N, C-alpha and C. Protein backbone atom coordinates (compact mmCIF):
# COMPACT_ATOMS: atom_id res chain seq x y z
N MET A 1 122.61 106.80 131.43
CA MET A 1 122.94 106.38 130.09
C MET A 1 124.41 105.97 130.06
N ASP A 2 124.73 104.98 129.27
CA ASP A 2 126.08 104.46 129.14
C ASP A 2 126.93 105.44 128.35
N PRO A 3 128.10 105.86 128.89
CA PRO A 3 128.92 106.83 128.17
C PRO A 3 129.48 106.27 126.86
N ASN A 4 129.70 104.96 126.79
CA ASN A 4 130.20 104.37 125.55
C ASN A 4 129.17 104.47 124.43
N MET A 5 127.91 104.37 124.81
CA MET A 5 126.83 104.45 123.84
C MET A 5 126.78 105.84 123.21
N ASN A 6 127.01 106.86 124.03
CA ASN A 6 126.98 108.23 123.55
C ASN A 6 128.12 108.49 122.56
N SER A 7 129.31 107.93 122.83
CA SER A 7 130.42 108.15 121.91
C SER A 7 130.17 107.44 120.58
N HIS A 8 129.45 106.30 120.63
CA HIS A 8 129.10 105.61 119.38
C HIS A 8 128.13 106.46 118.56
N GLU A 9 127.18 107.14 119.22
CA GLU A 9 126.23 108.00 118.53
C GLU A 9 126.96 109.16 117.85
N ASP A 10 127.99 109.71 118.52
CA ASP A 10 128.72 110.85 117.96
C ASP A 10 129.54 110.45 116.74
N SER A 11 129.96 109.18 116.66
CA SER A 11 130.81 108.75 115.56
C SER A 11 130.02 108.39 114.31
N ARG A 12 128.71 108.33 114.42
CA ARG A 12 127.87 108.00 113.25
C ARG A 12 127.82 109.18 112.31
N SER A 13 127.75 108.88 111.03
CA SER A 13 127.59 109.94 110.05
C SER A 13 126.50 109.53 109.07
N GLY A 14 125.84 110.50 108.53
CA GLY A 14 124.76 110.24 107.60
C GLY A 14 123.80 111.41 107.58
N LEU A 15 122.67 111.22 106.93
CA LEU A 15 121.66 112.27 106.85
C LEU A 15 120.93 112.43 108.18
N ALA A 16 120.64 113.67 108.53
CA ALA A 16 119.86 113.94 109.73
C ALA A 16 118.40 113.56 109.48
N THR A 17 117.71 113.19 110.54
CA THR A 17 116.33 112.76 110.43
C THR A 17 115.44 113.85 109.84
N HIS A 18 115.67 115.11 110.21
CA HIS A 18 114.81 116.17 109.67
C HIS A 18 115.01 116.35 108.17
N THR A 19 116.20 116.04 107.65
CA THR A 19 116.43 116.10 106.21
C THR A 19 115.66 115.01 105.48
N VAL A 20 115.69 113.80 106.04
CA VAL A 20 114.94 112.69 105.46
C VAL A 20 113.45 112.97 105.53
N ASP A 21 112.99 113.55 106.64
CA ASP A 21 111.59 113.94 106.75
C ASP A 21 111.19 114.91 105.64
N ALA A 22 112.05 115.87 105.36
CA ALA A 22 111.76 116.86 104.31
C ALA A 22 111.71 116.20 102.94
N ILE A 23 112.63 115.29 102.67
CA ILE A 23 112.65 114.59 101.37
C ILE A 23 111.38 113.77 101.19
N VAL A 24 111.00 113.03 102.22
CA VAL A 24 109.78 112.21 102.14
C VAL A 24 108.55 113.10 102.01
N ALA A 25 108.53 114.23 102.72
CA ALA A 25 107.40 115.16 102.62
C ALA A 25 107.26 115.69 101.20
N ILE A 26 108.38 115.99 100.55
CA ILE A 26 108.33 116.47 99.17
C ILE A 26 107.79 115.38 98.25
N LEU A 27 108.23 114.14 98.46
CA LEU A 27 107.73 113.04 97.64
C LEU A 27 106.22 112.83 97.85
N VAL A 28 105.77 112.91 99.09
CA VAL A 28 104.33 112.77 99.37
C VAL A 28 103.56 113.94 98.79
N LEU A 29 104.15 115.13 98.83
CA LEU A 29 103.52 116.31 98.23
C LEU A 29 103.34 116.12 96.73
N ILE A 30 104.35 115.59 96.07
CA ILE A 30 104.26 115.31 94.63
C ILE A 30 103.19 114.26 94.36
N LEU A 31 103.19 113.19 95.16
CA LEU A 31 102.19 112.14 95.00
C LEU A 31 100.78 112.70 95.18
N GLY A 32 100.57 113.51 96.20
CA GLY A 32 99.27 114.11 96.43
C GLY A 32 98.85 115.01 95.27
N GLY A 33 99.81 115.77 94.73
CA GLY A 33 99.51 116.62 93.58
C GLY A 33 99.11 115.81 92.35
N VAL A 34 99.80 114.70 92.13
CA VAL A 34 99.46 113.82 91.00
C VAL A 34 98.06 113.24 91.19
N ILE A 35 97.74 112.83 92.40
CA ILE A 35 96.41 112.28 92.69
C ILE A 35 95.34 113.34 92.47
N ILE A 36 95.58 114.55 92.94
CA ILE A 36 94.62 115.63 92.74
C ILE A 36 94.43 115.91 91.25
N TYR A 37 95.53 115.98 90.51
CA TYR A 37 95.44 116.24 89.07
C TYR A 37 94.65 115.14 88.36
N GLY A 38 94.97 113.88 88.67
CA GLY A 38 94.27 112.76 88.05
C GLY A 38 92.80 112.72 88.40
N SER A 39 92.48 113.02 89.65
CA SER A 39 91.07 112.99 90.05
C SER A 39 90.28 114.14 89.42
N ARG A 40 90.94 115.27 89.19
CA ARG A 40 90.26 116.38 88.49
C ARG A 40 89.97 115.98 87.05
N GLN A 41 90.87 115.21 86.43
CA GLN A 41 90.65 114.73 85.07
C GLN A 41 89.46 113.77 85.02
N LEU A 42 89.30 112.97 86.08
CA LEU A 42 88.19 112.02 86.13
C LEU A 42 86.86 112.69 86.45
N GLY A 43 86.94 113.80 87.10
CA GLY A 43 85.72 114.49 87.53
C GLY A 43 85.54 114.34 89.03
N SER A 44 85.99 115.33 89.76
CA SER A 44 85.97 115.24 91.22
C SER A 44 84.82 116.01 91.85
N GLU A 45 83.91 116.47 91.02
CA GLU A 45 82.78 117.24 91.55
C GLU A 45 81.65 116.31 91.98
N TRP A 46 80.71 116.92 92.68
CA TRP A 46 79.49 116.21 93.04
C TRP A 46 78.52 116.39 91.88
N THR A 47 78.07 115.29 91.33
CA THR A 47 77.18 115.36 90.17
C THR A 47 75.74 115.09 90.61
N THR A 48 74.81 115.12 89.67
CA THR A 48 73.41 114.84 90.00
C THR A 48 73.22 113.39 90.45
N ASP A 49 74.13 112.52 90.01
CA ASP A 49 74.07 111.11 90.42
C ASP A 49 74.84 110.83 91.70
N GLY A 50 75.50 111.82 92.23
CA GLY A 50 76.33 111.61 93.42
C GLY A 50 77.76 112.02 93.12
N PRO A 51 78.70 111.47 93.87
CA PRO A 51 80.10 111.88 93.67
C PRO A 51 80.63 111.38 92.33
N GLY A 52 81.46 112.22 91.68
CA GLY A 52 82.11 111.81 90.44
C GLY A 52 83.19 110.77 90.74
N SER A 53 83.73 110.17 89.68
CA SER A 53 84.70 109.10 89.91
C SER A 53 85.97 109.57 90.59
N GLY A 54 86.30 110.83 90.48
CA GLY A 54 87.49 111.34 91.13
C GLY A 54 87.24 112.04 92.45
N TYR A 55 86.02 111.98 92.95
CA TYR A 55 85.65 112.72 94.16
C TYR A 55 86.48 112.29 95.37
N PHE A 56 86.45 111.01 95.67
CA PHE A 56 87.17 110.53 96.85
C PHE A 56 88.69 110.59 96.66
N PRO A 57 89.22 110.20 95.49
CA PRO A 57 90.67 110.36 95.30
C PRO A 57 91.13 111.81 95.44
N PHE A 58 90.29 112.75 95.01
CA PHE A 58 90.65 114.16 95.15
C PHE A 58 90.89 114.51 96.62
N TYR A 59 90.00 114.10 97.48
CA TYR A 59 90.15 114.43 98.90
C TYR A 59 91.29 113.65 99.56
N ILE A 60 91.54 112.44 99.10
CA ILE A 60 92.71 111.71 99.59
C ILE A 60 93.98 112.47 99.19
N GLY A 61 94.05 112.91 97.93
CA GLY A 61 95.19 113.71 97.47
C GLY A 61 95.33 115.00 98.25
N LEU A 62 94.20 115.64 98.55
CA LEU A 62 94.23 116.88 99.31
C LEU A 62 94.76 116.64 100.73
N ILE A 63 94.33 115.57 101.35
CA ILE A 63 94.83 115.22 102.68
C ILE A 63 96.34 114.96 102.64
N LEU A 64 96.80 114.26 101.59
CA LEU A 64 98.24 114.00 101.44
C LEU A 64 99.01 115.30 101.29
N VAL A 65 98.51 116.21 100.48
CA VAL A 65 99.20 117.49 100.26
C VAL A 65 99.26 118.30 101.55
N ILE A 66 98.16 118.39 102.27
CA ILE A 66 98.13 119.16 103.52
C ILE A 66 99.07 118.54 104.55
N SER A 67 99.05 117.21 104.66
CA SER A 67 99.94 116.52 105.60
C SER A 67 101.40 116.73 105.22
N ALA A 68 101.70 116.63 103.93
CA ALA A 68 103.08 116.81 103.47
C ALA A 68 103.57 118.22 103.74
N LEU A 69 102.71 119.21 103.52
CA LEU A 69 103.10 120.59 103.81
C LEU A 69 103.38 120.79 105.30
N GLY A 70 102.56 120.17 106.14
CA GLY A 70 102.80 120.26 107.59
C GLY A 70 104.12 119.61 107.99
N ILE A 71 104.40 118.44 107.45
CA ILE A 71 105.65 117.75 107.77
C ILE A 71 106.84 118.52 107.21
N LEU A 72 106.70 119.06 106.00
CA LEU A 72 107.78 119.84 105.40
C LEU A 72 108.08 121.07 106.24
N TYR A 73 107.05 121.77 106.67
CA TYR A 73 107.26 122.95 107.53
C TYR A 73 107.94 122.55 108.83
N GLN A 74 107.45 121.49 109.44
CA GLN A 74 107.99 121.03 110.72
C GLN A 74 109.45 120.60 110.58
N SER A 75 109.79 119.96 109.48
CA SER A 75 111.15 119.46 109.33
C SER A 75 112.14 120.55 108.95
N LEU A 76 111.69 121.59 108.26
CA LEU A 76 112.61 122.64 107.83
C LEU A 76 112.59 123.88 108.73
N ALA A 77 111.42 124.27 109.20
CA ALA A 77 111.31 125.53 109.94
C ALA A 77 110.79 125.34 111.36
N GLY A 78 110.56 124.10 111.75
CA GLY A 78 110.03 123.86 113.08
C GLY A 78 111.02 124.22 114.18
N LYS A 79 110.52 124.43 115.38
CA LYS A 79 111.37 124.83 116.50
C LYS A 79 112.26 123.68 116.98
N GLU A 80 111.73 122.47 116.92
CA GLU A 80 112.49 121.32 117.43
C GLU A 80 112.83 120.38 116.28
N LYS A 81 113.92 120.66 115.60
CA LYS A 81 114.35 119.78 114.51
C LYS A 81 115.00 118.54 115.10
N ASN A 82 114.70 117.41 114.50
CA ASN A 82 115.31 116.16 114.92
C ASN A 82 116.63 116.03 114.16
N THR A 83 117.73 116.33 114.83
CA THR A 83 119.04 116.33 114.17
C THR A 83 119.78 115.01 114.32
N GLU A 84 119.13 114.01 114.89
CA GLU A 84 119.79 112.71 115.01
C GLU A 84 120.00 112.12 113.62
N ILE A 85 120.99 111.25 113.55
CA ILE A 85 121.28 110.59 112.27
C ILE A 85 120.16 109.59 111.99
N PHE A 86 119.62 109.64 110.77
CA PHE A 86 118.52 108.76 110.39
C PHE A 86 119.00 107.33 110.23
N VAL A 87 120.08 107.16 109.50
CA VAL A 87 120.62 105.83 109.25
C VAL A 87 122.12 105.97 108.98
N ASP A 88 122.89 105.05 109.54
CA ASP A 88 124.33 105.10 109.26
C ASP A 88 124.68 104.06 108.19
N ARG A 89 125.95 104.01 107.83
CA ARG A 89 126.40 103.15 106.74
C ARG A 89 126.13 101.67 107.03
N GLU A 90 126.34 101.25 108.23
CA GLU A 90 126.12 99.84 108.59
C GLU A 90 124.64 99.47 108.49
N GLN A 91 123.77 100.31 109.02
CA GLN A 91 122.34 100.06 108.95
C GLN A 91 121.84 100.08 107.51
N LEU A 92 122.35 101.01 106.73
CA LEU A 92 121.96 101.09 105.33
C LEU A 92 122.42 99.84 104.57
N GLY A 93 123.58 99.33 104.92
CA GLY A 93 124.06 98.09 104.31
C GLY A 93 123.14 96.92 104.61
N ARG A 94 122.62 96.85 105.83
CA ARG A 94 121.67 95.79 106.18
C ARG A 94 120.37 95.92 105.41
N VAL A 95 119.91 97.14 105.23
CA VAL A 95 118.68 97.36 104.46
C VAL A 95 118.90 96.92 103.01
N PHE A 96 120.02 97.31 102.42
CA PHE A 96 120.28 96.95 101.03
C PHE A 96 120.54 95.45 100.86
N SER A 97 121.03 94.79 101.93
CA SER A 97 121.25 93.34 101.83
C SER A 97 119.93 92.58 101.71
N VAL A 98 118.82 93.24 102.04
CA VAL A 98 117.50 92.65 101.86
C VAL A 98 116.80 93.25 100.64
N LEU A 99 116.96 94.55 100.43
CA LEU A 99 116.26 95.24 99.35
C LEU A 99 116.74 94.81 97.97
N ILE A 100 118.03 94.71 97.77
CA ILE A 100 118.55 94.36 96.44
C ILE A 100 118.15 92.94 96.04
N PRO A 101 118.33 91.92 96.91
CA PRO A 101 117.85 90.59 96.52
C PRO A 101 116.34 90.55 96.28
N ALA A 102 115.58 91.32 97.03
CA ALA A 102 114.13 91.35 96.81
C ALA A 102 113.80 91.93 95.44
N ALA A 103 114.51 92.96 95.02
CA ALA A 103 114.29 93.54 93.69
C ALA A 103 114.69 92.56 92.60
N VAL A 104 115.78 91.84 92.80
CA VAL A 104 116.19 90.82 91.83
C VAL A 104 115.15 89.71 91.77
N TYR A 105 114.61 89.33 92.92
CA TYR A 105 113.57 88.30 92.99
C TYR A 105 112.33 88.70 92.18
N VAL A 106 111.90 89.95 92.33
CA VAL A 106 110.74 90.43 91.58
C VAL A 106 111.01 90.37 90.08
N GLY A 107 112.21 90.74 89.67
CA GLY A 107 112.57 90.63 88.25
C GLY A 107 112.65 89.19 87.79
N ALA A 108 113.16 88.32 88.65
CA ALA A 108 113.28 86.90 88.30
C ALA A 108 111.91 86.25 88.12
N ILE A 109 110.92 86.70 88.86
CA ILE A 109 109.56 86.17 88.72
C ILE A 109 109.08 86.36 87.28
N GLN A 110 109.40 87.50 86.69
CA GLN A 110 108.97 87.77 85.32
C GLN A 110 109.60 86.80 84.32
N VAL A 111 110.80 86.34 84.62
CA VAL A 111 111.52 85.49 83.68
C VAL A 111 111.28 84.00 83.94
N ILE A 112 111.45 83.56 85.20
CA ILE A 112 111.39 82.12 85.50
C ILE A 112 110.16 81.72 86.31
N GLY A 113 109.31 82.65 86.64
CA GLY A 113 108.08 82.32 87.34
C GLY A 113 108.21 82.40 88.85
N ILE A 114 107.06 82.44 89.50
CA ILE A 114 107.04 82.65 90.94
C ILE A 114 107.55 81.46 91.74
N TYR A 115 107.28 80.25 91.29
CA TYR A 115 107.68 79.07 92.05
C TYR A 115 109.19 78.87 92.02
N VAL A 116 109.78 78.90 90.85
CA VAL A 116 111.23 78.69 90.73
C VAL A 116 111.98 79.86 91.37
N ALA A 117 111.54 81.08 91.10
CA ALA A 117 112.20 82.25 91.69
C ALA A 117 112.10 82.23 93.21
N SER A 118 110.95 81.82 93.73
CA SER A 118 110.78 81.76 95.19
C SER A 118 111.68 80.70 95.81
N ALA A 119 111.81 79.56 95.16
CA ALA A 119 112.68 78.51 95.68
C ALA A 119 114.12 78.99 95.74
N ILE A 120 114.58 79.63 94.69
CA ILE A 120 115.95 80.15 94.67
C ILE A 120 116.12 81.24 95.72
N TYR A 121 115.15 82.13 95.80
CA TYR A 121 115.21 83.25 96.75
C TYR A 121 115.26 82.74 98.20
N ILE A 122 114.40 81.82 98.53
CA ILE A 122 114.37 81.28 99.90
C ILE A 122 115.67 80.58 100.22
N ALA A 123 116.14 79.73 99.31
CA ALA A 123 117.38 78.98 99.56
C ALA A 123 118.57 79.92 99.73
N LEU A 124 118.73 80.87 98.83
CA LEU A 124 119.86 81.79 98.94
C LEU A 124 119.77 82.67 100.18
N PHE A 125 118.58 83.12 100.51
CA PHE A 125 118.41 83.93 101.71
C PHE A 125 118.80 83.15 102.95
N MET A 126 118.37 81.90 103.01
CA MET A 126 118.69 81.08 104.18
C MET A 126 120.20 80.82 104.28
N VAL A 127 120.85 80.59 103.15
CA VAL A 127 122.29 80.31 103.18
C VAL A 127 123.09 81.57 103.47
N ILE A 128 122.80 82.66 102.75
CA ILE A 128 123.64 83.86 102.85
C ILE A 128 123.34 84.65 104.12
N LEU A 129 122.09 84.97 104.37
CA LEU A 129 121.77 85.80 105.54
C LEU A 129 121.50 84.98 106.80
N GLY A 130 120.89 83.80 106.63
CA GLY A 130 120.57 82.99 107.80
C GLY A 130 121.67 82.04 108.23
N LYS A 131 122.69 81.85 107.38
CA LYS A 131 123.83 80.98 107.66
C LYS A 131 123.41 79.53 107.90
N PHE A 132 122.34 79.09 107.20
CA PHE A 132 121.91 77.69 107.27
C PHE A 132 122.72 76.88 106.27
N SER A 133 122.75 75.59 106.44
CA SER A 133 123.45 74.73 105.49
C SER A 133 122.67 74.69 104.17
N TRP A 134 123.38 74.30 103.10
CA TRP A 134 122.75 74.22 101.79
C TRP A 134 121.63 73.19 101.78
N ILE A 135 121.85 72.07 102.46
CA ILE A 135 120.85 71.00 102.46
C ILE A 135 119.56 71.47 103.12
N LYS A 136 119.66 72.08 104.29
CA LYS A 136 118.46 72.60 104.97
C LYS A 136 117.78 73.68 104.14
N SER A 137 118.58 74.54 103.54
CA SER A 137 118.02 75.65 102.78
C SER A 137 117.28 75.18 101.54
N VAL A 138 117.90 74.30 100.78
CA VAL A 138 117.26 73.80 99.56
C VAL A 138 116.03 72.97 99.92
N THR A 139 116.12 72.18 100.97
CA THR A 139 114.97 71.37 101.40
C THR A 139 113.80 72.28 101.78
N ALA A 140 114.07 73.27 102.60
CA ALA A 140 113.00 74.19 103.02
C ALA A 140 112.41 74.91 101.82
N ALA A 141 113.25 75.39 100.91
CA ALA A 141 112.77 76.11 99.74
C ALA A 141 111.89 75.22 98.87
N LEU A 142 112.30 73.99 98.67
CA LEU A 142 111.51 73.07 97.84
C LEU A 142 110.20 72.70 98.52
N VAL A 143 110.24 72.41 99.82
CA VAL A 143 109.01 72.04 100.53
C VAL A 143 108.00 73.18 100.50
N VAL A 144 108.45 74.39 100.78
CA VAL A 144 107.56 75.54 100.79
C VAL A 144 106.91 75.72 99.42
N ASN A 145 107.71 75.63 98.38
CA ASN A 145 107.16 75.87 97.04
C ASN A 145 106.32 74.72 96.51
N VAL A 146 106.62 73.50 96.91
CA VAL A 146 105.75 72.38 96.54
C VAL A 146 104.40 72.53 97.23
N VAL A 147 104.40 72.91 98.50
CA VAL A 147 103.14 73.12 99.22
C VAL A 147 102.33 74.23 98.55
N PHE A 148 102.99 75.36 98.22
CA PHE A 148 102.28 76.45 97.56
C PHE A 148 101.78 76.03 96.19
N PHE A 149 102.58 75.27 95.46
CA PHE A 149 102.15 74.80 94.14
C PHE A 149 100.91 73.92 94.27
N MET A 150 100.96 72.99 95.20
CA MET A 150 99.81 72.10 95.41
C MET A 150 98.58 72.90 95.83
N MET A 151 98.78 73.84 96.72
CA MET A 151 97.66 74.61 97.25
C MET A 151 97.02 75.46 96.14
N PHE A 152 97.82 76.21 95.41
CA PHE A 152 97.24 77.11 94.41
C PHE A 152 96.86 76.40 93.12
N GLU A 153 97.78 75.67 92.55
CA GLU A 153 97.56 75.09 91.22
C GLU A 153 96.62 73.88 91.25
N VAL A 154 96.79 73.01 92.24
CA VAL A 154 96.03 71.76 92.26
C VAL A 154 94.72 71.90 93.03
N TRP A 155 94.80 72.36 94.26
CA TRP A 155 93.61 72.38 95.11
C TRP A 155 92.68 73.55 94.80
N PHE A 156 93.21 74.75 94.74
CA PHE A 156 92.37 75.93 94.51
C PHE A 156 92.15 76.21 93.02
N LYS A 157 92.95 75.59 92.17
CA LYS A 157 92.87 75.79 90.72
C LYS A 157 93.06 77.27 90.34
N VAL A 158 94.00 77.90 91.03
CA VAL A 158 94.35 79.30 90.76
C VAL A 158 95.79 79.30 90.25
N PRO A 159 95.96 79.44 88.94
CA PRO A 159 97.32 79.41 88.41
C PRO A 159 98.07 80.70 88.74
N LEU A 160 99.29 80.55 89.24
CA LEU A 160 100.15 81.70 89.48
C LEU A 160 101.11 81.85 88.30
N PHE A 161 101.71 82.98 88.20
CA PHE A 161 102.54 83.31 87.04
C PHE A 161 103.75 82.37 86.94
N LYS A 162 103.92 81.77 85.79
CA LYS A 162 104.98 80.79 85.58
C LYS A 162 106.21 81.39 84.91
N GLY A 163 106.16 82.63 84.48
CA GLY A 163 107.31 83.27 83.88
C GLY A 163 107.34 83.13 82.37
N ALA A 164 108.23 83.88 81.77
CA ALA A 164 108.36 83.87 80.32
C ALA A 164 108.85 82.52 79.80
N TYR A 165 109.69 81.83 80.59
CA TYR A 165 110.24 80.55 80.15
C TYR A 165 109.49 79.34 80.67
N ASP A 166 108.60 79.51 81.63
CA ASP A 166 107.76 78.44 82.19
C ASP A 166 108.54 77.15 82.40
N LEU A 167 109.48 77.19 83.33
CA LEU A 167 110.34 76.04 83.62
C LEU A 167 109.57 74.85 84.19
N LEU A 168 108.34 75.06 84.63
CA LEU A 168 107.55 73.98 85.20
C LEU A 168 106.50 73.45 84.22
N SER A 169 106.65 73.73 82.95
CA SER A 169 105.66 73.30 81.96
C SER A 169 105.55 71.79 81.87
N PHE A 170 106.61 71.08 82.24
CA PHE A 170 106.58 69.62 82.20
C PHE A 170 105.57 69.03 83.19
N LEU A 171 105.12 69.82 84.16
CA LEU A 171 104.15 69.34 85.15
C LEU A 171 102.73 69.38 84.59
N GLY A 172 102.52 70.06 83.50
CA GLY A 172 101.20 70.09 82.88
C GLY A 172 100.28 71.15 83.45
N TYR A 173 100.79 72.08 84.19
CA TYR A 173 99.96 73.15 84.77
C TYR A 173 100.32 74.47 84.17
């Protein structure tokens, strides 16, 4: 192993992997509990007609709860805790550089529609993260969205969400 690589590992700071495992296990445990509760409300028993509407979700929730308890035990009380750093500041920055624009894109779809939001999203992603020129980025974004528009709206006759402001209403679709 390269000694320089080991010193880089030692300089990283952040949450340990076993801590993140415990947090995710708790979230899955809560999710499983909610599923079990909801399926009991629907009726998770076996009826004269067969399984109730909550029968299968109940067992899925039960599997989630059992799995989460196992992971929680392993991450907190297990013999071999994974104490490596889960993610450092630089890696987290890269994740957020994709996650935040994606969240803004989803919100933009509600306002300006999927076609316009997708064109803006593709163009900005190509320019900012891909370091492409504006001309290539805008061209690619427009071509992709024109093809999707033609495919869904014209050929398949499946209208996609145009947004609250419907900026493409002049096209008649």
